[in-house]
Amino acid sequence: MTAIRDRVEFAPVQTTYSDGVTSNFVFEAQDLAIPTRRYPDLGAHVVYLSKVIARTRTEQMREYSKYLRWHQRARSTIKEVVEMPDHQADRLLRSM
């Protein structure tokens, strides 16, 4: 965008283009913009996504595995007192 920034302008008169769009946007450097469209710099996106994945692995998956272990222990404890299928024990846990 830095290379083509000075080639963008807004004309005082609106123009209707062949696709029916009316605009006063004027850009005459399509040849300079083609490499930008073809090969966008996604470095910042990759860094952000890697941080999201790392946080998911280190924090959220750890918390969820703790929850699953707790749930399994609670289900086993309930089933030691009263014999019932897993889905009924899960329903009882959800109601608490």
Protein backbone atom coordinates (compact mmCIF):
# COMPACT_ATOMS: atom_id res chain seq x y z
CA MET A 1 0.00 0.00 0.00
CA THR A 2 2.89 2.36 0.62
CA ALA A 3 3.98 2.13 -3.02
CA ILE A 4 0.52 2.99 -4.39
CA ARG A 5 -0.76 5.37 -1.72
CA ASP A 6 0.08 8.49 -3.70
CA ARG A 7 -1.76 7.09 -6.77
CA VAL A 8 -5.17 7.01 -5.04
CA GLU A 9 -7.45 10.05 -5.23
CA PHE A 10 -11.07 11.08 -5.16
CA ALA A 11 -12.32 13.04 -8.16
CA PRO A 12 -14.81 15.88 -7.77
CA VAL A 13 -17.15 14.19 -10.30
CA GLN A 14 -18.85 10.79 -9.87
CA THR A 15 -18.30 8.21 -12.62
CA THR A 16 -20.61 5.30 -13.46
CA TYR A 17 -18.59 2.22 -14.35
CA SER A 18 -19.57 -0.69 -16.63
CA ASP A 19 -20.73 -2.82 -13.69
CA GLY A 20 -23.20 -0.13 -12.61
CA VAL A 21 -21.22 1.19 -9.64
CA THR A 22 -21.07 4.96 -9.29
CA SER A 23 -18.01 6.30 -7.49
CA ASN A 24 -15.57 9.17 -7.39
CA PHE A 25 -12.66 6.87 -6.49
CA VAL A 26 -9.81 7.10 -9.01
CA PHE A 27 -6.92 4.62 -9.13
CA GLU A 28 -4.64 4.52 -12.14
CA ALA A 29 -1.87 2.15 -10.95
CA GLN A 30 -3.36 -1.32 -11.39
CA ASP A 31 0.00 -2.66 -12.63
CA LEU A 32 1.60 -1.72 -9.29
CA ALA A 33 -1.22 -3.27 -7.25
CA ILE A 34 -1.28 -6.71 -8.92
CA PRO A 35 1.66 -8.16 -6.88
CA THR A 36 0.00 -6.90 -3.70
CA ARG A 37 -3.19 -8.77 -4.52
CA ARG A 38 -1.41 -11.94 -5.55
CA TYR A 39 1.04 -12.20 -2.67
CA PRO A 40 -0.40 -10.45 0.39
CA ASP A 41 1.78 -10.15 3.48
CA LEU A 42 0.04 -12.40 5.99
CA GLY A 43 2.88 -12.43 8.51
CA ALA A 44 0.88 -10.64 11.21
CA HIS A 45 -2.04 -13.03 10.70
CA VAL A 46 0.24 -16.05 11.09
CA VAL A 47 1.74 -14.67 14.30
CA TYR A 48 -1.72 -13.95 15.74
CA LEU A 49 -3.05 -17.40 14.82
CA SER A 50 -0.01 -19.12 16.35
CA LYS A 51 -0.57 -17.21 19.60
CA VAL A 52 -4.24 -18.22 19.63
CA ILE A 53 -3.32 -21.88 19.07
CA ALA A 54 -0.61 -21.76 21.75
CA ARG A 55 -3.03 -20.22 24.26
CA THR A 56 -5.66 -22.82 23.41
CA ARG A 57 -3.18 -25.64 23.97
CA THR A 58 -1.62 -24.31 27.15
CA GLU A 59 -4.61 -22.76 28.93
CA GLN A 60 -8.00 -23.74 27.56
CA MET A 61 -7.31 -27.40 26.81
CA ARG A 62 -5.71 -27.81 30.23
CA GLU A 63 -8.78 -26.34 31.93
CA TYR A 64 -11.10 -28.51 29.88
CA SER A 65 -9.15 -31.67 30.70
CA LYS A 66 -9.40 -30.75 34.42
CA TYR A 67 -13.15 -30.39 34.00
CA LEU A 68 -13.42 -33.77 32.26
CA ARG A 69 -11.41 -35.48 35.01
CA TRP A 70 -13.58 -33.84 37.68
CA HIS A 71 -16.73 -34.89 35.86
CA GLN A 72 -15.55 -38.49 35.55
CA ARG A 73 -14.66 -38.62 39.27
CA ALA A 74 -18.03 -37.15 40.23
CA ARG A 75 -19.84 -39.63 37.99
CA SER A 76 -17.92 -42.55 39.52
CA THR A 77 -18.65 -41.31 43.04
CA ILE A 78 -22.38 -41.03 42.33
CA LYS A 79 -22.43 -44.49 40.76
CA GLU A 80 -20.77 -45.95 43.88
CA VAL A 81 -23.75 -44.81 45.94
CA VAL A 82 -26.56 -45.46 43.45
CA GLU A 83 -26.37 -47.76 40.45
CA MET A 84 -27.43 -45.89 37.31
CA PRO A 85 -26.42 -45.46 33.66
CA ASP A 86 -23.88 -42.78 32.72
CA HIS A 87 -26.44 -40.53 31.02
CA GLN A 88 -28.54 -40.40 34.20
CA ALA A 89 -25.47 -39.62 36.33
CA ASP A 90 -24.57 -36.84 33.86
CA ARG A 91 -28.09 -35.43 34.12
CA LEU A 92 -27.81 -35.47 37.91
CA LEU A 93 -24.45 -33.65 37.75
CA ARG A 94 -25.84 -31.01 35.38
CA SER A 95 -28.73 -30.33 37.75
CA MET A 96 -26.39 -29.58 40.67
